[in-house]
Amino acid sequence: MILPESQTREGEFEKRRQELLDECQLAPQVFEEVMPRLESFMEPYVACLARSEQVNHAHTFVQG
């Protein structure tokens, strides 16, 4: 059975993600507070954007 390319890439991504987490010397929980801090940092910059699409893209870009 041949998998669609997107499923193959997702599987490769998940495998590589797990490899990186296994090598991680810091617990992932250390980074739980990063997103709220980053969002508050972004607020003045996002407020300068003129269009709602730009705001949405900024949030998507930062969240990954």
Protein backbone atom coordinates (compact mmCIF):
# COMPACT_ATOMS: atom_id res chain seq x y z
CA MET A 1 0.00 0.00 0.00
CA ILE A 2 1.37 3.41 -0.95
CA LEU A 3 0.73 6.20 1.53
CA PRO A 4 -0.05 9.71 0.34
CA GLU A 5 2.96 12.02 0.53
CA SER A 6 1.44 14.11 3.34
CA GLN A 7 1.01 11.06 5.58
CA THR A 8 4.58 10.00 4.88
CA ARG A 9 5.88 13.46 5.83
CA GLU A 10 3.74 13.53 8.97
CA GLY A 11 5.17 10.18 10.02
CA GLU A 12 8.71 11.38 9.37
CA PHE A 13 8.04 14.58 11.29
CA GLU A 14 6.64 12.70 14.28
CA LYS A 15 9.57 10.27 14.29
CA ARG A 16 12.10 13.12 14.17
CA ARG A 17 10.17 15.05 16.82
CA GLN A 18 10.31 12.08 19.14
CA GLU A 19 14.04 11.64 18.50
CA LEU A 20 14.64 15.27 19.44
CA LEU A 21 12.51 14.97 22.58
CA ASP A 22 14.43 11.83 23.57
CA GLU A 23 17.70 13.79 23.28
CA CYS A 24 16.34 16.76 25.18
CA GLN A 25 18.15 17.49 28.42
CA LEU A 26 15.42 19.82 29.68
CA ALA A 27 11.93 18.59 30.35
CA PRO A 28 9.43 19.95 27.80
CA GLN A 29 7.39 21.30 30.74
CA VAL A 30 10.10 23.94 31.24
CA PHE A 31 8.77 25.67 28.14
CA GLU A 32 5.07 25.68 29.11
CA GLU A 33 5.15 29.36 30.05
CA VAL A 34 6.93 30.47 26.88
CA MET A 35 3.83 30.98 24.71
CA PRO A 36 1.99 33.32 27.12
CA ARG A 37 5.16 35.40 27.51
CA LEU A 38 5.74 35.48 23.76
CA GLU A 39 2.14 36.50 23.10
CA SER A 40 2.40 39.40 25.54
CA PHE A 41 5.70 40.43 23.93
CA MET A 42 4.05 40.40 20.49
CA GLU A 43 1.03 42.52 21.46
CA PRO A 44 2.47 45.97 20.62
CA TYR A 45 3.85 44.73 17.31
CA VAL A 46 0.67 42.95 16.28
CA ALA A 47 -1.32 46.06 17.19
CA CYS A 48 0.57 47.91 14.44
CA LEU A 49 -0.66 45.51 11.76
CA ALA A 50 -3.38 46.96 9.58
CA ARG A 51 -5.31 43.92 8.38
CA SER A 52 -6.92 41.07 10.27
CA GLU A 53 -5.19 38.61 7.93
CA GLN A 54 -1.83 39.97 9.04
CA VAL A 55 -2.78 39.52 12.68
CA ASN A 56 -3.91 35.95 12.04
CA HIS A 57 -0.71 35.15 10.15
CA ALA A 58 1.41 36.61 12.93
CA HIS A 59 -0.23 34.35 15.51
CA THR A 60 0.01 31.32 13.24
CA PHE A 61 3.67 32.02 12.50
CA VAL A 62 4.61 32.30 16.17
CA GLN A 63 2.64 29.22 17.23
CA GLY A 64 4.31 27.14 14.55
